[in-house]
Amino acid sequence: MVIAPDKKVYFLSDFHLGTPDYTSSLEREKRVVAFLEEVRLHAAVIFIVGDMFDFWYEYRKVVPKGYVRLLGKLAEITDSGIPVHFFVGNHDMWMTDYFQKELNIPIYFEPQEFTFNDKKFLIGHGDGLGPGDHGYKMLKKVFRNPVCRWLFGVLPPYVGMGLADYLSGRSRASTGLNDAKFYGEEGEWLITYCKDVLKTTYYDYLVFGHRHLPIDFTLKNGSRYINLGDWLRYYTYAVFDGKDMTLTARYPELEEKIVREQAML
């Protein structure tokens, strides 16, 4: 796809709407909506790279309550002809066809390749990739099993959503501190994954979410691994202007914080 000189490609991820409470989630949702309204003037394509919600499950005739501002804005954007792509994350993996039918947004469960202005991108949420984390990888297979999804759907929404909120909270509590630390080139599993991918296929940019830490890491062959951070602490996003990719913060007061952390990479 050729990007016009006055257009850009935007990437953002990990809003985790619904947590930790209604008030803070709503404020975060409004910030995301304001951002989307601003960038739509220049957007050729928008990628949302997973974990839009802290939990999402599509019953046959029921979807989770709330998020109408964001869903409405996404529908408005796609109705205007701007494509939006969504990558399913580990917190909203139980999506089916609601986004496709109601919002005209394709969803992806695995990393996908895109090309813009002859630059090759590999884009995915990032969960379950690279070495280690075997417990989660097994759990992911179970959760994505059609029988497991059906059994969860048998539960009344009140019970199912309550259970999901509890498990999501435990997941955040166990990984929160780990998310804030950069483990170095050898310790970051997504860097290892990128290196393995690049052994067979070259990409200019490998873009992921999930990690909750803004990372722009240049690999030895010149490829760049970019992690989008999140909209819980950093409010970061990446933008491709047709020539180069930039990882930045939505709010200027967070720029210094990101610069300090990037200096540690």
C-alpha atoms as a PDB file:
ATOM      1  CA  MET A   1       0.000   0.000   0.000  1.00  0.00           C
ATOM      2  CA  VAL A   2       1.289   3.439  -0.922  1.00  0.00           C
ATOM      3  CA  ILE A   3       0.822   6.120   1.738  1.00  0.00           C
ATOM      4  CA  ALA A   4       0.075   9.606   0.416  1.00  0.00           C
ATOM      5  CA  PRO A   5       2.573  12.312   1.455  1.00  0.00           C
ATOM      6  CA  ASP A   6       0.067  13.939   3.792  1.00  0.00           C
ATOM      7  CA  LYS A   7      -1.060  10.683   5.433  1.00  0.00           C
ATOM      8  CA  LYS A   8       0.315   8.474   8.227  1.00  0.00           C
ATOM      9  CA  VAL A   9      -0.149   5.026   9.737  1.00  0.00           C
ATOM     10  CA  TYR A  10      -0.910   4.926  13.467  1.00  0.00           C
ATOM     11  CA  PHE A  11      -0.325   2.103  15.961  1.00  0.00           C
ATOM     12  CA  LEU A  12      -1.547   1.893  19.565  1.00  0.00           C
ATOM     13  CA  SER A  13      -2.458  -0.863  22.001  1.00  0.00           C
ATOM     14  CA  ASP A  14      -3.309  -1.991  25.517  1.00  0.00           C
ATOM     15  CA  PHE A  15      -6.094   0.319  26.705  1.00  0.00           C
ATOM     16  CA  HIS A  16      -7.472  -2.313  29.117  1.00  0.00           C
ATOM     17  CA  LEU A  17     -10.804  -0.550  29.346  1.00  0.00           C
ATOM     18  CA  GLY A  18     -12.841  -1.702  32.315  1.00  0.00           C
ATOM     19  CA  THR A  19     -10.007  -1.640  34.816  1.00  0.00           C
ATOM     20  CA  PRO A  20      -9.424  -0.768  37.601  1.00  0.00           C
ATOM     21  CA  ASP A  21     -12.795   0.944  38.054  1.00  0.00           C
ATOM     22  CA  TYR A  22     -15.537   2.630  36.051  1.00  0.00           C
ATOM     23  CA  THR A  23     -14.393   6.227  36.587  1.00  0.00           C
ATOM     24  CA  SER A  24     -10.745   5.801  35.597  1.00  0.00           C
ATOM     25  CA  SER A  25     -11.670   3.518  32.698  1.00  0.00           C
ATOM     26  CA  LEU A  26     -14.114   6.088  31.362  1.00  0.00           C
ATOM     27  CA  GLU A  27     -11.509   8.835  31.572  1.00  0.00           C
ATOM     28  CA  ARG A  28      -9.034   6.638  29.696  1.00  0.00           C
ATOM     29  CA  GLU A  29     -11.648   5.823  27.071  1.00  0.00           C
ATOM     30  CA  LYS A  30     -12.295   9.534  26.517  1.00  0.00           C
ATOM     31  CA  ARG A  31      -8.560  10.110  26.039  1.00  0.00           C
ATOM     32  CA  VAL A  32      -8.371   7.346  23.437  1.00  0.00           C
ATOM     33  CA  VAL A  33     -11.417   8.734  21.623  1.00  0.00           C
ATOM     34  CA  ALA A  34      -9.942  12.241  21.601  1.00  0.00           C
ATOM     35  CA  PHE A  35      -6.697  10.878  20.175  1.00  0.00           C
ATOM     36  CA  LEU A  36      -8.512   8.964  17.421  1.00  0.00           C
ATOM     37  CA  GLU A  37     -10.550  12.030  16.512  1.00  0.00           C
ATOM     38  CA  GLU A  38      -7.358  14.060  16.212  1.00  0.00           C
ATOM     39  CA  VAL A  39      -5.336  11.606  14.118  1.00  0.00           C
ATOM     40  CA  ARG A  40      -8.160  10.647  11.776  1.00  0.00           C
ATOM     41  CA  LEU A  41      -7.451  13.851   9.841  1.00  0.00           C
ATOM     42  CA  HIS A  42      -4.071  12.432   8.832  1.00  0.00           C
ATOM     43  CA  ALA A  43      -4.631   8.672   9.092  1.00  0.00           C
ATOM     44  CA  ALA A  44      -4.259   6.343   6.143  1.00  0.00           C
ATOM     45  CA  VAL A  45      -4.615   3.289   8.396  1.00  0.00           C
ATOM     46  CA  ILE A  46      -5.032   2.746  12.140  1.00  0.00           C
ATOM     47  CA  PHE A  47      -3.826  -0.387  13.931  1.00  0.00           C
ATOM     48  CA  ILE A  48      -5.075  -1.274  17.412  1.00  0.00           C
ATOM     49  CA  VAL A  49      -2.729  -4.007  18.556  1.00  0.00           C
ATOM     50  CA  GLY A  50      -4.683  -5.836  21.233  1.00  0.00           C
ATOM     51  CA  ASP A  51      -6.088  -5.624  24.758  1.00  0.00           C
ATOM     52  CA  MET A  52      -8.518  -2.856  23.958  1.00  0.00           C
ATOM     53  CA  PHE A  53     -10.552  -4.237  26.845  1.00  0.00           C
ATOM     54  CA  ASP A  54      -9.486  -5.813  30.103  1.00  0.00           C
ATOM     55  CA  PHE A  55     -11.947  -8.557  29.227  1.00  0.00           C
ATOM     56  CA  TRP A  56     -14.250  -9.170  26.282  1.00  0.00           C
ATOM     57  CA  TYR A  57     -16.580 -12.037  25.523  1.00  0.00           C
ATOM     58  CA  GLU A  58     -19.177 -12.129  22.777  1.00  0.00           C
ATOM     59  CA  TYR A  59     -22.210 -14.115  23.780  1.00  0.00           C
ATOM     60  CA  ARG A  60     -24.527 -14.954  20.911  1.00  0.00           C
ATOM     61  CA  LYS A  61     -26.783 -11.968  21.616  1.00  0.00           C
ATOM     62  CA  VAL A  62     -24.876 -10.114  24.348  1.00  0.00           C
ATOM     63  CA  VAL A  63     -21.660  -8.087  24.415  1.00  0.00           C
ATOM     64  CA  PRO A  64     -20.078  -6.422  27.475  1.00  0.00           C
ATOM     65  CA  LYS A  65     -21.744  -3.255  28.710  1.00  0.00           C
ATOM     66  CA  GLY A  66     -20.071   0.080  28.082  1.00  0.00           C
ATOM     67  CA  TYR A  67     -17.370   1.466  25.781  1.00  0.00           C
ATOM     68  CA  VAL A  68     -19.948   3.147  23.538  1.00  0.00           C
ATOM     69  CA  ARG A  69     -17.783   6.231  22.986  1.00  0.00           C
ATOM     70  CA  LEU A  70     -14.879   4.217  21.635  1.00  0.00           C
ATOM     71  CA  LEU A  71     -16.979   1.791  19.614  1.00  0.00           C
ATOM     72  CA  GLY A  72     -18.959   4.647  18.117  1.00  0.00           C
ATOM     73  CA  LYS A  73     -15.788   6.528  17.195  1.00  0.00           C
ATOM     74  CA  LEU A  74     -14.321   3.441  15.535  1.00  0.00           C
ATOM     75  CA  ALA A  75     -17.522   2.968  13.521  1.00  0.00           C
ATOM     76  CA  GLU A  76     -17.405   6.633  12.499  1.00  0.00           C
ATOM     77  CA  ILE A  77     -13.790   6.275  11.367  1.00  0.00           C
ATOM     78  CA  THR A  78     -14.358   3.145   9.284  1.00  0.00           C
ATOM     79  CA  ASP A  79     -17.575   4.587   7.827  1.00  0.00           C
ATOM     80  CA  SER A  80     -15.496   7.521   6.585  1.00  0.00           C
ATOM     81  CA  GLY A  81     -13.289   5.112   4.640  1.00  0.00           C
ATOM     82  CA  ILE A  82     -10.268   4.894   6.945  1.00  0.00           C
ATOM     83  CA  PRO A  83      -9.351   1.248   7.559  1.00  0.00           C
ATOM     84  CA  VAL A  84      -8.883   0.095  11.142  1.00  0.00           C
ATOM     85  CA  HIS A  85      -7.261  -3.256  11.981  1.00  0.00           C
ATOM     86  CA  PHE A  86      -7.529  -4.978  15.343  1.00  0.00           C
ATOM     87  CA  PHE A  87      -5.236  -7.657  16.759  1.00  0.00           C
ATOM     88  CA  VAL A  88      -6.769  -9.797  19.469  1.00  0.00           C
ATOM     89  CA  GLY A  89      -4.881  -9.669  22.757  1.00  0.00           C
ATOM     90  CA  ASN A  90      -4.746 -12.039  25.691  1.00  0.00           C
ATOM     91  CA  HIS A  91      -7.440 -10.059  27.538  1.00  0.00           C
ATOM     92  CA  ASP A  92      -9.896  -9.872  24.632  1.00  0.00           C
ATOM     93  CA  MET A  93      -9.134 -13.140  22.863  1.00  0.00           C
ATOM     94  CA  TRP A  94     -12.761 -14.313  22.885  1.00  0.00           C
ATOM     95  CA  MET A  95     -13.846 -12.181  19.975  1.00  0.00           C
ATOM     96  CA  THR A  96     -15.906 -13.605  17.121  1.00  0.00           C
ATOM     97  CA  ASP A  97     -17.616 -11.416  14.514  1.00  0.00           C
ATOM     98  CA  TYR A  98     -18.986  -8.368  16.345  1.00  0.00           C
ATOM     99  CA  PHE A  99     -16.204  -6.044  15.207  1.00  0.00           C
ATOM    100  CA  GLN A 100     -16.442  -7.218  11.605  1.00  0.00           C
ATOM    101  CA  LYS A 101     -20.229  -6.898  11.375  1.00  0.00           C
ATOM    102  CA  GLU A 102     -20.829  -3.756  13.429  1.00  0.00           C
ATOM    103  CA  LEU A 103     -17.613  -1.779  12.948  1.00  0.00           C
ATOM    104  CA  ASN A 104     -16.215  -3.129   9.659  1.00  0.00           C
ATOM    105  CA  ILE A 105     -12.944  -3.905  11.455  1.00  0.00           C
ATOM    106  CA  PRO A 106     -11.070  -7.111  10.603  1.00  0.00           C
ATOM    107  CA  ILE A 107      -9.582  -8.957  13.563  1.00  0.00           C
ATOM    108  CA  TYR A 108      -6.427 -11.061  13.649  1.00  0.00           C
ATOM    109  CA  PHE A 109      -5.407 -13.781  16.057  1.00  0.00           C
ATOM    110  CA  GLU A 110      -1.811 -14.137  14.852  1.00  0.00           C
ATOM    111  CA  PRO A 111       0.900 -11.724  13.642  1.00  0.00           C
ATOM    112  CA  GLN A 112       0.313 -10.405  10.133  1.00  0.00           C
ATOM    113  CA  GLU A 113       2.518  -8.878   7.452  1.00  0.00           C
ATOM    114  CA  PHE A 114       1.768  -5.492   5.895  1.00  0.00           C
ATOM    115  CA  THR A 115       3.697  -3.312   3.453  1.00  0.00           C
ATOM    116  CA  PHE A 116       3.566   0.478   3.343  1.00  0.00           C
ATOM    117  CA  ASN A 117       5.740   2.453   0.905  1.00  0.00           C
ATOM    118  CA  ASP A 118       7.966  -0.588   0.367  1.00  0.00           C
ATOM    119  CA  LYS A 119       8.584  -0.928   4.119  1.00  0.00           C
ATOM    120  CA  LYS A 120       7.668  -4.334   5.507  1.00  0.00           C
ATOM    121  CA  PHE A 121       5.854  -4.600   8.845  1.00  0.00           C
ATOM    122  CA  LEU A 122       5.137  -7.602  11.038  1.00  0.00           C
ATOM    123  CA  ILE A 123       2.370  -6.706  13.481  1.00  0.00           C
ATOM    124  CA  GLY A 124       0.868  -8.706  16.350  1.00  0.00           C
ATOM    125  CA  HIS A 125      -0.191  -8.418  19.961  1.00  0.00           C
ATOM    126  CA  GLY A 126       2.813 -10.376  21.211  1.00  0.00           C
ATOM    127  CA  ASP A 127       1.368 -12.783  23.781  1.00  0.00           C
ATOM    128  CA  GLY A 128       2.617 -16.350  23.629  1.00  0.00           C
ATOM    129  CA  LEU A 129       5.504 -15.542  21.287  1.00  0.00           C
ATOM    130  CA  GLY A 130       9.168 -16.270  21.866  1.00  0.00           C
ATOM    131  CA  PRO A 131      10.710 -18.605  24.441  1.00  0.00           C
ATOM    132  CA  GLY A 132       9.355 -19.459  27.887  1.00  0.00           C
ATOM    133  CA  ASP A 133       5.965 -18.762  29.460  1.00  0.00           C
ATOM    134  CA  HIS A 134       4.852 -22.327  28.777  1.00  0.00           C
ATOM    135  CA  GLY A 135       2.048 -22.140  31.327  1.00  0.00           C
ATOM    136  CA  TYR A 136       0.381 -19.259  29.532  1.00  0.00           C
ATOM    137  CA  LYS A 137       0.903 -20.851  26.115  1.00  0.00           C
ATOM    138  CA  MET A 138      -0.922 -23.961  27.302  1.00  0.00           C
ATOM    139  CA  LEU A 139      -3.661 -21.837  28.881  1.00  0.00           C
ATOM    140  CA  LYS A 140      -4.036 -19.888  25.635  1.00  0.00           C
ATOM    141  CA  LYS A 141      -4.668 -23.096  23.700  1.00  0.00           C
ATOM    142  CA  VAL A 142      -7.305 -24.100  26.216  1.00  0.00           C
ATOM    143  CA  PHE A 143      -9.036 -20.718  26.168  1.00  0.00           C
ATOM    144  CA  ARG A 144      -9.147 -20.634  22.381  1.00  0.00           C
ATOM    145  CA  ASN A 145     -10.551 -24.130  22.173  1.00  0.00           C
ATOM    146  CA  PRO A 146     -14.110 -23.964  20.774  1.00  0.00           C
ATOM    147  CA  VAL A 147     -15.401 -26.293  23.491  1.00  0.00           C
ATOM    148  CA  CYS A 148     -13.949 -24.099  26.239  1.00  0.00           C
ATOM    149  CA  ARG A 149     -15.484 -21.014  24.654  1.00  0.00           C
ATOM    150  CA  TRP A 150     -18.866 -22.745  24.462  1.00  0.00           C
ATOM    151  CA  LEU A 151     -18.702 -23.855  28.088  1.00  0.00           C
ATOM    152  CA  PHE A 152     -17.936 -20.297  29.199  1.00  0.00           C
ATOM    153  CA  GLY A 153     -20.841 -19.066  27.095  1.00  0.00           C
ATOM    154  CA  VAL A 154     -23.206 -21.368  28.986  1.00  0.00           C
ATOM    155  CA  LEU A 155     -22.570 -19.344  32.130  1.00  0.00           C
ATOM    156  CA  PRO A 156     -24.965 -16.424  32.660  1.00  0.00           C
ATOM    157  CA  PRO A 157     -23.214 -13.146  31.715  1.00  0.00           C
ATOM    158  CA  TYR A 158     -23.309 -11.950  35.336  1.00  0.00           C
ATOM    159  CA  VAL A 159     -21.378 -15.018  36.492  1.00  0.00           C
ATOM    160  CA  GLY A 160     -19.066 -15.193  33.496  1.00  0.00           C
ATOM    161  CA  MET A 161     -18.076 -11.533  33.557  1.00  0.00           C
ATOM    162  CA  GLY A 162     -17.552 -11.612  37.329  1.00  0.00           C
ATOM    163  CA  LEU A 163     -15.218 -14.584  36.993  1.00  0.00           C
ATOM    164  CA  ALA A 164     -13.367 -12.884  34.140  1.00  0.00           C
ATOM    165  CA  ASP A 165     -12.880  -9.668  36.143  1.00  0.00           C
ATOM    166  CA  TYR A 166     -11.410 -11.688  39.003  1.00  0.00           C
ATOM    167  CA  LEU A 167      -8.960 -13.578  36.769  1.00  0.00           C
ATOM    168  CA  SER A 168      -7.924 -10.423  34.897  1.00  0.00           C
ATOM    169  CA  GLY A 169      -7.193  -8.709  38.206  1.00  0.00           C
ATOM    170  CA  ARG A 170      -5.005 -11.588  39.336  1.00  0.00           C
ATOM    171  CA  SER A 171      -3.141 -11.515  36.028  1.00  0.00           C
ATOM    172  CA  ARG A 172      -2.369  -7.800  36.357  1.00  0.00           C
ATOM    173  CA  ALA A 173      -1.265  -8.212  39.984  1.00  0.00           C
ATOM    174  CA  SER A 174       1.213 -10.931  39.048  1.00  0.00           C
ATOM    175  CA  THR A 175       2.793  -9.101  36.094  1.00  0.00           C
ATOM    176  CA  GLY A 176       2.496  -5.409  36.975  1.00  0.00           C
ATOM    177  CA  LEU A 177       6.009  -4.918  38.346  1.00  0.00           C
ATOM    178  CA  ASN A 178       7.578  -7.092  35.648  1.00  0.00           C
ATOM    179  CA  ASP A 179       6.011  -4.956  32.926  1.00  0.00           C
ATOM    180  CA  ALA A 180       7.921  -1.872  34.075  1.00  0.00           C
ATOM    181  CA  LYS A 181      11.374  -3.418  33.721  1.00  0.00           C
ATOM    182  CA  PHE A 182      13.452  -3.851  30.568  1.00  0.00           C
ATOM    183  CA  TYR A 183      15.340  -7.170  30.657  1.00  0.00           C
ATOM    184  CA  GLY A 184      17.994  -6.464  28.061  1.00  0.00           C
ATOM    185  CA  GLU A 185      18.482  -7.863  24.588  1.00  0.00           C
ATOM    186  CA  GLU A 186      18.893 -11.440  25.776  1.00  0.00           C
ATOM    187  CA  GLY A 187      16.118 -11.315  28.353  1.00  0.00           C
ATOM    188  CA  GLU A 188      13.322  -9.797  26.281  1.00  0.00           C
ATOM    189  CA  TRP A 189      11.377 -12.686  24.779  1.00  0.00           C
ATOM    190  CA  LEU A 190       9.895 -10.592  21.967  1.00  0.00           C
ATOM    191  CA  ILE A 191      13.374  -9.528  20.871  1.00  0.00           C
ATOM    192  CA  THR A 192      14.299 -13.214  20.739  1.00  0.00           C
ATOM    193  CA  TYR A 193      11.146 -13.879  18.721  1.00  0.00           C
ATOM    194  CA  CYS A 194      12.020 -11.068  16.304  1.00  0.00           C
ATOM    195  CA  LYS A 195      15.513 -12.450  15.789  1.00  0.00           C
ATOM    196  CA  ASP A 196      14.090 -15.881  14.986  1.00  0.00           C
ATOM    197  CA  VAL A 197      11.621 -14.423  12.497  1.00  0.00           C
ATOM    198  CA  LEU A 198      14.319 -12.386  10.792  1.00  0.00           C
ATOM    199  CA  LYS A 199      16.356 -15.520  10.116  1.00  0.00           C
ATOM    200  CA  THR A 200      13.918 -16.366   7.328  1.00  0.00           C
ATOM    201  CA  THR A 201      12.090 -13.120   6.445  1.00  0.00           C
ATOM    202  CA  TYR A 202      13.245  -9.520   6.556  1.00  0.00           C
ATOM    203  CA  TYR A 203      11.017  -6.858   8.095  1.00  0.00           C
ATOM    204  CA  ASP A 204      11.813  -3.204   8.535  1.00  0.00           C
ATOM    205  CA  TYR A 205       9.561  -2.972  11.604  1.00  0.00           C
ATOM    206  CA  LEU A 206       8.258  -5.612  13.999  1.00  0.00           C
ATOM    207  CA  VAL A 207       5.470  -3.993  16.003  1.00  0.00           C
ATOM    208  CA  PHE A 208       3.866  -5.502  19.101  1.00  0.00           C
ATOM    209  CA  GLY A 209       1.895  -4.604  22.198  1.00  0.00           C
ATOM    210  CA  HIS A 210       1.351  -6.759  25.304  1.00  0.00           C
ATOM    211  CA  ARG A 211       4.624  -5.766  26.961  1.00  0.00           C
ATOM    212  CA  HIS A 212       3.225  -2.512  28.469  1.00  0.00           C
ATOM    213  CA  LEU A 213       6.647  -0.887  28.116  1.00  0.00           C
ATOM    214  CA  PRO A 214       7.527   1.525  25.273  1.00  0.00           C
ATOM    215  CA  ILE A 215      10.509  -0.008  23.472  1.00  0.00           C
ATOM    216  CA  ASP A 216      12.248   1.003  20.245  1.00  0.00           C
ATOM    217  CA  PHE A 217      15.107  -1.447  19.794  1.00  0.00           C
ATOM    218  CA  THR A 218      17.286  -1.617  16.677  1.00  0.00           C
ATOM    219  CA  LEU A 219      18.401  -5.121  15.782  1.00  0.00           C
ATOM    220  CA  LYS A 220      21.737  -5.934  14.162  1.00  0.00           C
ATOM    221  CA  ASN A 221      20.334  -6.174  10.636  1.00  0.00           C
ATOM    222  CA  GLY A 222      18.761  -2.711  10.908  1.00  0.00           C
ATOM    223  CA  SER A 223      15.253  -3.920  11.644  1.00  0.00           C
ATOM    224  CA  ARG A 224      13.477  -2.252  14.549  1.00  0.00           C
ATOM    225  CA  TYR A 225      11.440  -3.980  17.215  1.00  0.00           C
ATOM    226  CA  ILE A 226       8.858  -1.544  18.535  1.00  0.00           C
ATOM    227  CA  ASN A 227       6.654  -2.191  21.523  1.00  0.00           C
ATOM    228  CA  LEU A 228       3.790   0.257  21.781  1.00  0.00           C
ATOM    229  CA  GLY A 229       3.666   0.544  25.566  1.00  0.00           C
ATOM    230  CA  ASP A 230       0.148   1.101  26.894  1.00  0.00           C
ATOM    231  CA  TRP A 231      -2.579   3.621  27.724  1.00  0.00           C
ATOM    232  CA  LEU A 232      -2.498   2.853  31.426  1.00  0.00           C
ATOM    233  CA  ARG A 233       0.803   4.509  32.373  1.00  0.00           C
ATOM    234  CA  TYR A 234       2.532   5.781  29.257  1.00  0.00           C
ATOM    235  CA  TYR A 235      -0.166   6.750  26.727  1.00  0.00           C
ATOM    236  CA  THR A 236       2.259   5.941  23.916  1.00  0.00           C
ATOM    237  CA  TYR A 237       1.726   5.219  20.242  1.00  0.00           C
ATOM    238  CA  ALA A 238       3.788   4.810  17.079  1.00  0.00           C
ATOM    239  CA  VAL A 239       3.344   6.605  13.781  1.00  0.00           C
ATOM    240  CA  PHE A 240       4.775   5.813  10.337  1.00  0.00           C
ATOM    241  CA  ASP A 241       4.986   8.898   8.139  1.00  0.00           C
ATOM    242  CA  GLY A 242       5.745   7.030   4.929  1.00  0.00           C
ATOM    243  CA  LYS A 243       9.487   7.068   5.512  1.00  0.00           C
ATOM    244  CA  ASP A 244      10.211   6.447   9.174  1.00  0.00           C
ATOM    245  CA  MET A 245       8.599   5.165  12.355  1.00  0.00           C
ATOM    246  CA  THR A 246       8.412   7.168  15.575  1.00  0.00           C
ATOM    247  CA  LEU A 247       7.391   6.003  19.048  1.00  0.00           C
ATOM    248  CA  THR A 248       6.068   8.870  21.123  1.00  0.00           C
ATOM    249  CA  ALA A 249       3.819   9.837  24.023  1.00  0.00           C
ATOM    250  CA  ARG A 250       0.404  11.394  23.652  1.00  0.00           C
ATOM    251  CA  TYR A 251       1.062  13.809  26.495  1.00  0.00           C
ATOM    252  CA  PRO A 252       4.227  15.986  26.498  1.00  0.00           C
ATOM    253  CA  GLU A 253       4.690  15.639  30.251  1.00  0.00           C
ATOM    254  CA  LEU A 254       5.418  11.940  29.738  1.00  0.00           C
ATOM    255  CA  GLU A 255       8.087  12.486  27.080  1.00  0.00           C
ATOM    256  CA  GLU A 256      10.908  12.932  29.605  1.00  0.00           C
ATOM    257  CA  LYS A 257       9.900   9.741  31.396  1.00  0.00           C
ATOM    258  CA  ILE A 258      10.053   7.761  28.155  1.00  0.00           C
ATOM    259  CA  VAL A 259      13.385   9.291  27.164  1.00  0.00           C
ATOM    260  CA  ARG A 260      14.894   8.233  30.501  1.00  0.00           C
ATOM    261  CA  GLU A 261      13.623   4.684  30.109  1.00  0.00           C
ATOM    262  CA  GLN A 262      14.725   4.472  26.490  1.00  0.00           C
ATOM    263  CA  ALA A 263      18.239   5.505  27.577  1.00  0.00           C
ATOM    264  CA  MET A 264      18.370   2.287  29.591  1.00  0.00           C
ATOM    265  CA  LEU A 265      17.815   0.086  26.500  1.00  0.00           C
END
